[in-house]
Amino acid sequence: MVNAVVLIEAEPDKIQRLAEQLVEIEGVPEVFSVAGRYDLVAILRVPENEHVADIVSSKIRNLDGIARTETLIAFRVYSREDIEGVFAP
């Protein structure tokens, strides 16, 4: 499983509509509206790196209102459950 984070700068009046469209894309289970330099953060969970490229290049970047994206691919994913599982008897 490949996990990635897509940081998105969007046109202000289109943020809510974009979030709704993004979460409908297969492989995008969550989208966050955030404060700071970026407007939205899309989480990608897909089987292969090629799927990240397809989703970002063919689907996300083509949505009306997207000004700029930056994609971060995760090397490892850490969660509380993973850490607690290490110390469980």
Protein backbone atom coordinates (compact mmCIF):
# COMPACT_ATOMS: atom_id res chain seq x y z
CA MET A 1 0.00 0.00 0.00
CA VAL A 2 1.30 3.44 -0.95
CA ASN A 3 0.33 6.40 1.21
CA ALA A 4 0.71 9.97 0.01
CA VAL A 5 -0.27 13.46 1.08
CA VAL A 6 -1.27 16.02 -1.54
CA LEU A 7 -1.03 19.64 -0.42
CA ILE A 8 -3.36 21.83 -2.46
CA GLU A 9 -3.56 25.56 -3.07
CA ALA A 10 -7.02 26.39 -4.35
CA GLU A 11 -9.08 29.35 -5.43
CA PRO A 12 -10.78 30.54 -2.22
CA ASP A 13 -14.34 30.46 -3.53
CA LYS A 14 -13.93 26.87 -4.76
CA ILE A 15 -12.45 25.17 -1.68
CA GLN A 16 -15.61 23.47 -0.42
CA ARG A 17 -16.63 22.20 -3.85
CA LEU A 18 -13.10 20.92 -4.49
CA ALA A 19 -13.04 19.06 -1.17
CA GLU A 20 -16.30 17.36 -2.07
CA GLN A 21 -14.97 16.40 -5.51
CA LEU A 22 -11.64 15.16 -4.15
CA VAL A 23 -13.17 12.80 -1.62
CA GLU A 24 -15.16 11.18 -4.44
CA ILE A 25 -11.94 10.12 -6.21
CA GLU A 26 -11.09 6.45 -5.67
CA GLY A 27 -7.96 6.26 -3.54
CA VAL A 28 -8.71 9.51 -1.67
CA PRO A 29 -10.33 8.49 1.63
CA GLU A 30 -9.89 11.83 3.40
CA VAL A 31 -9.61 15.52 2.57
CA PHE A 32 -8.87 18.20 5.15
CA SER A 33 -9.54 21.92 4.92
CA VAL A 34 -6.55 23.55 6.64
CA ALA A 35 -5.12 26.91 7.63
CA GLY A 36 -1.75 28.10 6.41
CA ARG A 37 -0.04 28.10 3.04
CA TYR A 38 -2.27 25.35 1.65
CA ASP A 39 -6.06 25.22 1.55
CA LEU A 40 -6.69 21.48 1.33
CA VAL A 41 -4.81 18.31 2.18
CA ALA A 42 -5.83 15.12 0.39
CA ILE A 43 -4.73 11.75 1.76
CA LEU A 44 -4.09 9.06 -0.85
CA ARG A 45 -4.02 5.33 -0.13
CA VAL A 46 -3.42 3.26 -3.25
CA PRO A 47 -1.82 -0.08 -4.19
CA GLU A 48 1.10 1.28 -6.27
CA ASN A 49 3.11 4.44 -6.94
CA GLU A 50 1.69 4.61 -10.46
CA HIS A 51 -1.75 5.16 -8.96
CA VAL A 52 -0.46 8.23 -7.10
CA ALA A 53 0.82 9.64 -10.38
CA ASP A 54 -2.47 8.92 -12.16
CA ILE A 55 -4.64 10.43 -9.43
CA VAL A 56 -2.55 13.58 -9.03
CA SER A 57 -1.80 14.19 -12.71
CA SER A 58 -5.03 13.04 -14.34
CA LYS A 59 -7.67 13.74 -11.71
CA ILE A 60 -6.66 16.21 -9.01
CA ARG A 61 -4.70 18.69 -11.12
CA ASN A 62 -7.50 18.82 -13.71
CA LEU A 63 -10.16 19.96 -11.24
CA ASP A 64 -11.33 23.53 -11.74
CA GLY A 65 -10.03 25.73 -8.95
CA ILE A 66 -6.75 23.92 -8.24
CA ALA A 67 -3.94 26.48 -8.37
CA ARG A 68 -1.00 24.32 -7.27
CA THR A 69 -0.24 20.94 -5.69
CA GLU A 70 2.67 19.40 -3.85
CA THR A 71 2.76 15.63 -3.32
CA LEU A 72 4.54 13.87 -0.48
CA ILE A 73 4.91 10.08 -0.64
CA ALA A 74 5.22 8.38 2.74
CA PHE A 75 8.12 6.03 3.39
CA ARG A 76 6.49 4.66 6.54
CA VAL A 77 3.19 5.22 8.29
CA TYR A 78 3.07 5.32 12.07
CA SER A 79 -0.08 5.08 14.11
CA ARG A 80 -0.87 4.77 17.80
CA GLU A 81 -2.14 1.23 17.19
CA ASP A 82 1.16 0.24 15.56
CA ILE A 83 3.22 1.64 18.42
CA GLU A 84 1.00 0.14 21.13
CA GLY A 85 1.12 -3.22 19.33
CA VAL A 86 4.91 -3.30 19.68
CA PHE A 87 4.61 -3.18 23.46
CA ALA A 88 1.60 -5.47 23.84
CA PRO A 89 2.29 -8.83 25.55
